[in-house]
Each structure stands twice: as C-alpha cells, then as structure tokens.
Amino acid sequence: MLVSAAVCPHPPLLVPAVAGEAAPELDGLRAACDEAVQRLGEADVLVVVGGAPETRTYGPDAYATLQPYGLSWTAPDHPKDDAEALPLSLSIGRWLLHRQGTGGDARYEAIAFDAPPEECLELGRRLAESAERVALLVMGDGTACRSEKAPGYLDERAAPYDGAVARALGRADAAALADLDPDLSRELQVAGRAAWQVLAGAAGGGGFSAGLLADEAPYGVGYFVAAWSRPPYGC
C-alpha cells in the first residue's frame, strides 16, 4: 500500500555543481525537494519513478550518473564494471536521496515518456501492492513552453496545464492526474506526465493529505514539488 510520496522535478541544473554560478536561482526549489524527500518517512519499500525512453525496471547494481552533464558524480562512487546507468530522471532522484544519506536500498522504475495512461496506472497499482508500506519518489517536469525562452517556446496552453497539475498535486487528486491528456502533454513537452500517472495508479482511491511545496517556472519549464502522506489508521 502506498503510504507516502514525494514529487520532484529532474532538471540537471538542480545540482549546484552542474548549475555553477546559476545555482542560487534554484535554491528555493532545491530546499523544497529536500523537504519533500524528508517527509517520505519510513516504509518497507522506497521506489524512485521517473520518465525515460522506455519502461523498465533497473537492477540493484544500476548507478546514478551526471557525467553526461559535465559532472563526474556517480552513486555509488564506484559502480560495477557491467552496471547500467540510470536515466536522468532516476539519477536526479538518486542524487536527492543521496543528499539525505539514503537511497542505497531504493528500487528504480522507469516509465516511458509516451506510455499510455492505463500502462502508467497499472504500474502504479503494482508498485503499491509490492509491500505493506510503499513510498514513492516521483520525478517529473511540467511543460517546457512557459516563455519565449523556454525549450519549446511560448505556448498559451502551457500555463493552464501546469496550473491544473499544481492543483492536483496540492490536493492529492489522483483522478485529475490520471486524466492528463498524453497528446497535449507531448505537444507541451511535458516530461512528468507518465510518472505522475504512475503515482495516480499507486494512490488508488485516495485518502492522502498533501502539500504543494513549490510551483515555479524559472526557465520557462514547470517545476513542481509536492508531498503526499496517508494518515495512520484510526486518524
């Protein structure tokens, strides 16, 4: 059963060493991510979920890396010779856990960026059923079309889309996340749609309290941070 979830973005610039002199611009977002991860609490299983070119499960030897972004950092420090590298979303997730001194025992699940909603929801249900107490760290960015300097240029549909996602994350509204349109999401270059729908599937009928900790678009890309938790039985 899903007992808690943290939702965070995965831009490489979240890592100060990658951002360089621009690092202070994301200090608030970084702090919100730290708080969301800290709110995960204890669980039997911690799963990091993020978008990638293909849906797949990564084994325990997989390693996080930021080498494609000019940083020699990996986790663990010395991966096995035949180990696989995690995609960006999961590598940033591992980096966030590493900041808290955790992540070594986490599981890593990639969901294809273009996976149909039902596939995402089904993966979420399976993850929620994998242990009595499951926590998810869900990695995903919003639209990349919030300004003229954004990667996808300015699209007037982007702000309403991101606003709907922010409301859903802030209210633990799994149904609203499940209803996100994959075609519109693709047109707006949304990197988090599939991962958020995995969360929706894991959350099931709801019963969560939630907090939206950040809703920003500093580079024309929507970044959200949220924390969900299921109240203890009897409360």
Protein backbone atom coordinates (compact mmCIF):
# COMPACT_ATOMS: atom_id res chain seq x y z
CA MET A 1 0.00 0.00 0.00
CA LEU A 2 1.24 3.46 -0.82
CA VAL A 3 1.79 5.41 2.40
CA SER A 4 3.73 8.42 1.17
CA ALA A 5 5.02 10.11 -1.96
CA ALA A 6 7.33 12.95 -2.86
CA VAL A 7 7.06 14.63 -6.25
CA CYS A 8 10.13 16.48 -7.55
CA PRO A 9 11.45 17.82 -10.88
CA HIS A 10 14.59 16.49 -12.50
CA PRO A 11 16.49 19.27 -14.32
CA PRO A 12 20.28 18.75 -14.21
CA LEU A 13 20.54 22.37 -13.01
CA LEU A 14 19.01 21.26 -9.71
CA VAL A 15 22.52 20.03 -8.88
CA PRO A 16 24.58 23.05 -7.77
CA ALA A 17 27.80 21.73 -9.30
CA VAL A 18 26.08 21.47 -12.68
CA ALA A 19 24.39 24.87 -12.39
CA GLY A 20 27.60 26.68 -11.42
CA GLU A 21 27.06 30.40 -10.87
CA ALA A 22 23.34 29.99 -11.57
CA ALA A 23 22.91 27.57 -8.65
CA PRO A 24 21.38 30.17 -6.27
CA GLU A 25 18.49 30.66 -8.72
CA LEU A 26 17.16 27.21 -7.72
CA ASP A 27 17.95 27.35 -4.00
CA GLY A 28 14.25 27.52 -3.10
CA LEU A 29 13.33 24.65 -5.39
CA ARG A 30 16.21 22.57 -4.05
CA ALA A 31 15.12 23.20 -0.46
CA ALA A 32 11.55 22.21 -1.31
CA CYS A 33 12.81 18.94 -2.81
CA ASP A 34 14.81 18.24 0.34
CA GLU A 35 11.72 18.80 2.47
CA ALA A 36 9.55 16.55 0.29
CA VAL A 37 12.09 13.73 0.49
CA GLN A 38 12.39 14.13 4.25
CA ARG A 39 8.59 13.83 4.56
CA LEU A 40 8.61 10.37 2.98
CA GLY A 41 9.21 8.81 6.36
CA GLU A 42 9.69 5.12 6.93
CA ALA A 43 8.44 2.49 4.53
CA ASP A 44 9.15 -1.14 3.72
CA VAL A 45 9.99 -0.24 0.12
CA LEU A 46 11.12 3.04 -1.45
CA VAL A 47 10.70 3.25 -5.21
CA VAL A 48 12.02 6.05 -7.42
CA VAL A 49 9.87 6.50 -10.54
CA GLY A 50 10.73 8.69 -13.50
CA GLY A 51 10.26 9.12 -17.21
CA ALA A 52 12.69 7.62 -19.70
CA PRO A 53 12.74 6.49 -23.32
CA GLU A 54 11.48 3.05 -22.32
CA THR A 55 9.63 1.38 -19.47
CA ARG A 56 11.83 -0.92 -17.45
CA THR A 57 12.99 -1.95 -14.00
CA TYR A 58 16.60 -1.33 -13.05
CA GLY A 59 18.51 -3.87 -11.02
CA PRO A 60 20.29 -3.23 -7.72
CA ASP A 61 23.64 -2.62 -9.44
CA ALA A 62 22.36 0.27 -11.57
CA TYR A 63 24.08 3.54 -10.81
CA ALA A 64 23.17 7.21 -10.99
CA THR A 65 25.42 9.44 -13.03
CA LEU A 66 25.68 13.08 -14.07
CA GLN A 67 28.63 12.51 -16.38
CA PRO A 68 26.59 13.45 -19.49
CA TYR A 69 26.14 16.89 -17.89
CA GLY A 70 29.82 17.50 -17.20
CA LEU A 71 29.97 16.24 -13.62
CA SER A 72 31.95 13.16 -12.59
CA TRP A 73 29.49 12.32 -9.79
CA THR A 74 28.09 8.80 -9.61
CA ALA A 75 26.23 6.87 -6.93
CA PRO A 76 27.60 4.56 -5.83
CA ASP A 77 31.04 6.09 -6.15
CA HIS A 78 32.49 3.02 -7.86
CA PRO A 79 29.86 1.22 -9.94
CA LYS A 80 30.50 -2.34 -11.03
CA ASP A 81 32.09 -2.67 -14.45
CA ASP A 82 28.96 -4.18 -16.02
CA ALA A 83 26.45 -1.97 -14.18
CA GLU A 84 23.86 0.06 -16.10
CA ALA A 85 23.47 3.81 -15.81
CA LEU A 86 20.13 5.19 -14.68
CA PRO A 87 18.39 7.74 -16.92
CA LEU A 88 18.38 11.42 -15.96
CA SER A 89 15.11 11.40 -14.01
CA LEU A 90 16.19 8.49 -11.82
CA SER A 91 19.73 9.81 -11.45
CA ILE A 92 18.41 13.10 -10.09
CA GLY A 93 16.13 11.11 -7.79
CA ARG A 94 19.13 9.18 -6.50
CA TRP A 95 21.01 12.47 -6.06
CA LEU A 96 18.16 13.87 -3.94
CA LEU A 97 18.18 10.74 -1.77
CA HIS A 98 21.96 10.91 -1.53
CA ARG A 99 21.65 14.41 -0.06
CA GLN A 100 19.63 12.88 2.76
CA GLY A 101 22.05 9.99 3.27
CA THR A 102 19.61 7.45 1.84
CA GLY A 103 18.86 5.75 -1.48
CA GLY A 104 21.14 2.74 -1.33
CA ASP A 105 18.23 0.35 -0.88
CA ALA A 106 15.76 2.12 -3.16
CA ARG A 107 14.26 0.49 -6.23
CA TYR A 108 14.29 2.29 -9.57
CA GLU A 109 11.48 2.12 -12.12
CA ALA A 110 11.46 3.94 -15.46
CA ILE A 111 8.21 4.62 -17.30
CA ALA A 112 8.30 5.51 -20.99
CA PHE A 113 7.56 9.18 -21.61
CA ASP A 114 4.92 8.14 -24.17
CA ALA A 115 3.41 5.26 -22.18
CA PRO A 116 -0.40 5.23 -22.40
CA PRO A 117 -2.20 6.25 -19.20
CA GLU A 118 -3.50 2.76 -18.44
CA GLU A 119 0.02 1.35 -18.55
CA CYS A 120 1.16 4.03 -16.13
CA LEU A 121 -1.76 3.44 -13.79
CA GLU A 122 -1.18 -0.32 -13.84
CA LEU A 123 2.49 0.10 -12.94
CA GLY A 124 1.46 2.32 -10.05
CA ARG A 125 -1.00 -0.28 -8.79
CA ARG A 126 1.66 -3.00 -8.96
CA LEU A 127 4.15 -0.88 -7.07
CA ALA A 128 1.60 -0.07 -4.35
CA GLU A 129 0.87 -3.77 -3.93
CA SER A 130 4.55 -4.75 -3.71
CA ALA A 131 4.79 -4.24 0.07
CA GLU A 132 2.70 -3.36 3.09
CA ARG A 133 4.16 0.16 3.24
CA VAL A 134 5.42 1.69 -0.01
CA ALA A 135 6.91 5.15 -0.52
CA LEU A 136 7.39 6.71 -3.95
CA LEU A 137 9.78 9.42 -5.09
CA VAL A 138 8.18 10.58 -8.33
CA MET A 139 10.36 12.57 -10.71
CA GLY A 140 8.83 14.74 -13.42
CA ASP A 141 8.91 18.17 -15.06
CA GLY A 142 5.94 20.15 -16.32
CA THR A 143 5.55 21.94 -19.62
CA ALA A 144 8.59 23.33 -21.42
CA CYS A 145 6.60 26.12 -23.10
CA ARG A 146 6.02 28.76 -20.42
CA SER A 147 8.03 31.58 -22.02
CA GLU A 148 9.61 32.68 -25.28
CA LYS A 149 12.99 31.48 -24.00
CA ALA A 150 11.65 28.08 -22.95
CA PRO A 151 12.90 24.97 -24.77
CA GLY A 152 9.53 24.66 -26.54
CA TYR A 153 8.94 28.41 -26.93
CA LEU A 154 5.79 30.07 -25.59
CA ASP A 155 2.53 28.15 -25.83
CA GLU A 156 -0.55 29.74 -24.26
CA ARG A 157 -1.81 26.29 -23.24
CA ALA A 158 1.19 25.67 -21.02
CA ALA A 159 0.28 27.83 -18.01
CA PRO A 160 -3.26 26.37 -17.66
CA TYR A 161 -1.85 22.85 -18.00
CA ASP A 162 0.75 23.45 -15.30
CA GLY A 163 -1.86 25.12 -13.12
CA ALA A 164 -4.05 22.02 -13.30
CA VAL A 165 -1.10 19.80 -12.38
CA ALA A 166 -0.17 22.04 -9.45
CA ARG A 167 -3.73 21.90 -8.12
CA ALA A 168 -3.85 18.12 -8.49
CA LEU A 169 -0.55 17.65 -6.68
CA GLY A 170 -1.53 20.07 -3.94
CA ARG A 171 -4.83 18.28 -3.33
CA ALA A 172 -3.63 14.69 -3.81
CA ASP A 173 -6.12 14.48 -6.66
CA ALA A 174 -5.15 11.19 -8.28
CA ALA A 175 -8.12 11.27 -10.64
CA ALA A 176 -7.01 14.58 -12.13
CA LEU A 177 -3.51 13.24 -12.72
CA ALA A 178 -4.94 10.10 -14.31
CA ASP A 179 -6.92 12.27 -16.73
CA LEU A 180 -3.92 14.15 -18.12
CA ASP A 181 -4.02 14.03 -21.92
CA PRO A 182 -0.92 12.31 -23.33
CA ASP A 183 -1.24 14.07 -26.70
CA LEU A 184 -1.43 17.55 -25.17
CA SER A 185 1.36 16.61 -22.78
CA ARG A 186 3.58 15.63 -25.70
CA GLU A 187 2.82 18.86 -27.57
CA LEU A 188 3.78 20.88 -24.49
CA GLN A 189 6.93 18.79 -23.94
CA VAL A 190 5.85 17.60 -20.51
CA ALA A 191 8.42 15.17 -19.08
CA GLY A 192 6.42 14.21 -15.99
CA ARG A 193 3.01 13.11 -17.28
CA ALA A 194 3.71 9.37 -17.27
CA ALA A 195 5.42 9.39 -13.85
CA TRP A 196 2.57 11.39 -12.31
CA GLN A 197 0.10 8.86 -13.67
CA VAL A 198 2.12 6.08 -12.04
CA LEU A 199 1.56 7.98 -8.79
CA ALA A 200 -2.15 8.20 -9.57
CA GLY A 201 -2.33 4.44 -10.02
CA ALA A 202 -0.44 3.81 -6.79
CA ALA A 203 -2.66 6.20 -4.84
CA GLY A 204 -5.84 4.38 -5.84
CA GLY A 205 -8.93 5.78 -4.17
CA GLY A 206 -7.05 8.48 -2.33
CA GLY A 207 -7.17 9.21 1.40
CA PHE A 208 -3.98 11.27 1.33
CA SER A 209 -3.11 14.61 2.82
CA ALA A 210 -0.96 16.73 0.52
CA GLY A 211 1.10 19.86 0.32
CA LEU A 212 2.37 21.73 -2.73
CA LEU A 213 5.82 22.90 -1.70
CA ALA A 214 6.92 24.57 -4.95
CA ASP A 215 5.36 25.69 -8.24
CA GLU A 216 7.91 27.52 -10.37
CA ALA A 217 8.94 28.05 -13.98
CA PRO A 218 12.30 29.87 -13.77
CA TYR A 219 13.47 28.84 -17.25
CA GLY A 220 10.10 28.51 -18.90
CA VAL A 221 9.75 24.93 -17.66
CA GLY A 222 7.21 23.99 -14.99
CA TYR A 223 8.75 22.58 -11.82
CA PHE A 224 6.58 21.21 -9.01
CA VAL A 225 7.38 19.80 -5.60
CA ALA A 226 4.74 18.08 -3.52
CA ALA A 227 4.45 15.71 -0.57
CA TRP A 228 1.63 13.21 -0.04
CA SER A 229 1.03 11.10 3.04
CA ARG A 230 -1.62 8.67 4.16
CA PRO A 231 -2.84 9.35 7.71
CA PRO A 232 -2.27 6.49 10.16
CA TYR A 233 -5.13 4.08 10.66
CA GLY A 234 -7.65 5.34 13.14
CA CYS A 235 -6.97 9.02 12.45
